[in-house]
C-alpha cells in the first residue's frame, strides 16, 4: 500500500472549495425556515447522512459514472456549469436550486440536496482530478464538523451575523465559486 501523504495546501484548497459549495452559512435562512416548518432539525442525522453520501460518492462516483458511460472530465465540465450556476445564484441573489420542505427535513432537503447536493458531488469528482483522495477526505470531514456546528447553532449565528452579514458572506463565497468554476472548466477542457 502506498504511503498516504497529507498535503496542507491541497487540504486547504479542498476545504475552501467544499466550504463555498456547501455554503452552510448562506443556507442559514433556509435552515431556519425548515426548523420553523418541521419544529426540529436532527443535526447529527443530517450531518452524518451528508458525510456518508459524500464519502461514498468520492470513492464510488467514478464507477457509478462509468456504468452510465460518462468520463470524469465530462462530469467535471458539467460540474463546472453547476458550480457556475450556484455561484451566480449566490452573487446575484437568485434562487435556482431550492426544494420544498417535506416532513423528513433532516435528510431531504437538508442532508441532500442542500448539503450534499449535485454541486457537492460534482465538485468531489472534479477535485479528484486535481487532488489526492486523502486530502479531499480531510476537507470533507472538516466541512462536516463545521456544518454540524452551524446546524446546532443556527439561531445564534443568525443573530451574530445579521441579515446583512449573511448576505455579504454569501456574495463573497459566490465570487470564489465563480473563479473555481472557471478553473475547473479550463483544466478539464484544456482551454
Protein backbone atom coordinates (compact mmCIF):
# COMPACT_ATOMS: atom_id res chain seq x y z
CA UNK A 1 0.00 0.00 0.00
CA UNK A 2 1.39 3.41 -0.94
CA UNK A 3 2.20 5.81 1.87
CA UNK A 4 -0.58 8.36 2.44
CA UNK A 5 0.84 11.84 2.21
CA UNK A 6 -1.20 14.73 3.54
CA UNK A 7 -0.63 18.00 1.73
CA UNK A 8 -1.69 21.07 3.71
CA UNK A 9 -2.22 23.18 0.56
CA UNK A 10 -4.46 20.51 -1.00
CA UNK A 11 -6.41 20.14 2.26
CA UNK A 12 -6.82 23.93 2.48
CA UNK A 13 -7.93 24.16 -1.18
CA UNK A 14 -10.44 21.29 -0.96
CA UNK A 15 -11.77 22.57 2.37
CA UNK A 16 -12.30 26.07 0.93
CA UNK A 17 -13.88 24.75 -2.29
CA UNK A 18 -16.27 22.46 -0.40
CA UNK A 19 -17.00 25.22 2.13
CA UNK A 20 -18.02 27.53 -0.70
CA UNK A 21 -20.06 24.84 -2.48
CA UNK A 22 -21.86 23.57 0.63
CA UNK A 23 -22.44 27.23 1.61
CA UNK A 24 -23.84 26.28 5.00
CA UNK A 25 -23.67 29.89 6.24
CA UNK A 26 -25.63 31.04 3.19
CA UNK A 27 -28.14 28.30 3.95
CA UNK A 28 -28.83 29.53 7.50
CA UNK A 29 -32.02 31.39 6.41
CA UNK A 30 -33.24 28.19 4.69
CA UNK A 31 -32.34 26.07 7.73
CA UNK A 32 -34.27 28.48 9.98
CA UNK A 33 -37.28 28.18 7.64
CA UNK A 34 -37.03 24.36 7.70
CA UNK A 35 -36.80 24.39 11.50
CA UNK A 36 -39.96 26.53 11.69
CA UNK A 37 -41.85 24.16 9.36
CA UNK A 38 -40.63 20.92 10.94
CA UNK A 39 -40.33 22.12 14.52
CA UNK A 40 -36.94 20.44 14.95
CA UNK A 41 -33.89 19.50 12.91
CA UNK A 42 -31.79 16.46 13.77
CA UNK A 43 -28.33 17.99 13.29
CA UNK A 44 -26.45 14.72 13.94
CA UNK A 45 -28.57 12.78 11.45
CA UNK A 46 -28.29 15.45 8.75
CA UNK A 47 -24.51 15.78 9.14
CA UNK A 48 -23.97 12.00 9.24
CA UNK A 49 -26.10 11.29 6.15
CA UNK A 50 -24.44 14.12 4.18
CA UNK A 51 -20.93 12.94 5.19
CA UNK A 52 -21.74 9.34 4.22
CA UNK A 53 -23.15 10.41 0.84
CA UNK A 54 -20.06 12.50 0.11
CA UNK A 55 -17.56 9.79 1.09
CA UNK A 56 -19.44 7.09 -0.87
CA UNK A 57 -19.52 9.35 -3.92
CA UNK A 58 -15.83 10.23 -3.54
CA UNK A 59 -14.91 6.53 -3.76
CA UNK A 60 -17.68 5.10 -5.96
CA UNK A 61 -18.62 8.12 -8.05
CA UNK A 62 -16.22 7.23 -10.89
CA UNK A 63 -17.59 3.65 -11.06
CA UNK A 64 -21.16 4.94 -11.00
CA UNK A 65 -20.30 7.26 -13.87
CA UNK A 66 -18.67 4.50 -15.92
CA UNK A 67 -21.86 2.45 -15.55
CA UNK A 68 -23.73 5.29 -17.27
CA UNK A 69 -20.85 5.76 -19.72
CA UNK A 70 -19.64 9.21 -18.63
CA UNK A 71 -15.95 10.04 -18.09
CA UNK A 72 -14.75 12.10 -15.13
CA UNK A 73 -13.63 15.03 -17.36
CA UNK A 74 -17.12 15.37 -18.86
CA UNK A 75 -18.63 15.16 -15.37
CA UNK A 76 -16.13 17.79 -14.16
CA UNK A 77 -17.09 20.11 -17.05
CA UNK A 78 -20.79 19.56 -16.28
CA UNK A 79 -19.90 20.23 -12.64
CA UNK A 80 -18.23 23.50 -13.58
CA UNK A 81 -21.58 24.61 -15.08
CA UNK A 82 -23.47 23.58 -11.93
CA UNK A 83 -20.93 25.40 -9.75
CA UNK A 84 -21.16 28.41 -12.07
CA UNK A 85 -24.97 28.44 -11.70
CA UNK A 86 -24.69 28.14 -7.88
CA UNK A 87 -22.15 30.97 -7.84
CA UNK A 88 -24.41 33.18 -9.96
CA UNK A 89 -27.26 32.35 -7.59
CA UNK A 90 -25.15 33.49 -4.62
CA UNK A 91 -23.76 36.63 -6.26
CA UNK A 92 -26.98 37.81 -7.89
CA UNK A 93 -29.35 36.66 -5.14
CA UNK A 94 -31.33 34.34 -7.44
CA UNK A 95 -33.00 31.11 -6.35
CA UNK A 96 -32.47 28.25 -8.78
CA UNK A 97 -31.75 25.17 -6.65
CA UNK A 98 -34.14 25.17 -3.71
CA UNK A 99 -36.51 22.38 -2.71
CA UNK A 100 -39.79 22.42 -0.82
CA UNK A 101 -39.58 21.10 2.74
CA UNK A 102 -41.20 17.71 3.37
CA UNK A 103 -41.53 16.30 6.90
CA UNK A 104 -38.19 14.47 6.78
CA UNK A 105 -36.27 17.75 6.59
CA UNK A 106 -33.15 16.41 8.35
CA UNK A 107 -32.48 14.10 5.38
CA UNK A 108 -34.32 15.75 2.48
CA UNK A 109 -33.73 18.59 1.67
CA UNK A 110 -31.11 19.29 4.37
CA UNK A 111 -28.57 16.45 4.04
CA UNK A 112 -29.48 16.04 0.37
CA UNK A 113 -29.55 18.18 -1.77
CA UNK A 114 -28.79 21.22 0.45
CA UNK A 115 -25.51 20.00 1.99
CA UNK A 116 -24.52 17.04 -0.21
CA UNK A 117 -26.26 18.01 -3.43
CA UNK A 118 -25.39 17.72 -7.11
CA UNK A 119 -22.98 20.63 -6.82
CA UNK A 120 -21.10 18.99 -3.94
CA UNK A 121 -20.99 15.57 -5.64
CA UNK A 122 -19.78 17.09 -8.89
CA UNK A 123 -17.17 19.10 -7.03
CA UNK A 124 -15.87 15.99 -5.25
CA UNK A 125 -15.26 14.21 -8.56
CA UNK A 126 -13.79 17.34 -10.08
CA UNK A 127 -11.47 17.75 -7.08
CA UNK A 128 -10.43 14.12 -7.51
CA UNK A 129 -8.98 15.00 -10.92
CA UNK A 130 -6.66 17.53 -9.22
CA UNK A 131 -6.07 16.44 -5.62
CA UNK A 132 -5.21 13.29 -3.63
CA UNK A 133 -8.15 11.39 -2.12
CA UNK A 134 -6.88 11.52 1.48
CA UNK A 135 -6.65 15.33 1.30
CA UNK A 136 -10.21 15.55 -0.07
CA UNK A 137 -11.39 13.26 2.77
CA UNK A 138 -9.88 15.62 5.36
CA UNK A 139 -11.59 18.53 3.56
CA UNK A 140 -14.93 16.69 3.73
CA UNK A 141 -14.57 15.90 7.44
CA UNK A 142 -13.52 19.46 8.36
CA UNK A 143 -16.50 20.83 6.46
CA UNK A 144 -18.94 18.39 8.02
CA UNK A 145 -17.72 19.29 11.52
CA UNK A 146 -18.39 22.92 10.65
CA UNK A 147 -21.79 22.04 9.12
CA UNK A 148 -22.72 20.18 12.31
CA UNK A 149 -21.64 23.19 14.42
CA UNK A 150 -23.73 25.53 12.23
CA UNK A 151 -26.81 23.25 12.37
CA UNK A 152 -26.54 23.13 16.15
CA UNK A 153 -26.17 26.91 16.46
CA UNK A 154 -28.27 28.35 13.61
CA UNK A 155 -30.21 30.86 15.70
CA UNK A 156 -27.11 32.19 17.49
CA UNK A 157 -25.28 32.59 14.17
CA UNK A 158 -28.21 34.41 12.60
CA UNK A 159 -28.15 36.91 15.47
CA UNK A 160 -24.34 37.19 15.29
CA UNK A 161 -24.06 37.91 11.54
CA UNK A 162 -27.40 39.56 10.98
CA UNK A 163 -29.10 39.57 7.59
CA UNK A 164 -26.54 41.91 6.02
CA UNK A 165 -23.57 39.90 7.28
CA UNK A 166 -25.00 36.66 5.87
CA UNK A 167 -25.64 38.35 2.52
CA UNK A 168 -22.07 39.67 2.35
CA UNK A 169 -20.67 36.21 3.19
CA UNK A 170 -22.87 34.60 0.55
CA UNK A 171 -21.73 37.04 -2.15
CA UNK A 172 -18.05 36.69 -1.22
CA UNK A 173 -18.24 32.90 -1.48
CA UNK A 174 -20.17 33.28 -4.72
CA UNK A 175 -17.22 35.13 -6.27
CA UNK A 176 -14.81 32.42 -5.04
CA UNK A 177 -17.10 29.78 -6.56
CA UNK A 178 -17.18 31.60 -9.90
CA UNK A 179 -13.39 31.50 -10.03
CA UNK A 180 -13.41 27.78 -9.11
CA UNK A 181 -15.98 27.02 -11.84
CA UNK A 182 -13.84 28.76 -14.46
CA UNK A 183 -10.68 26.98 -13.28
CA UNK A 184 -12.43 23.57 -13.40
CA UNK A 185 -13.75 24.29 -16.87
CA UNK A 186 -10.30 25.36 -18.14
CA UNK A 187 -8.49 22.42 -16.50
CA UNK A 188 -10.83 19.81 -17.97
CA UNK A 189 -11.25 21.33 -21.44
CA UNK A 190 -7.63 22.37 -21.85
CA UNK A 191 -8.69 25.92 -22.85
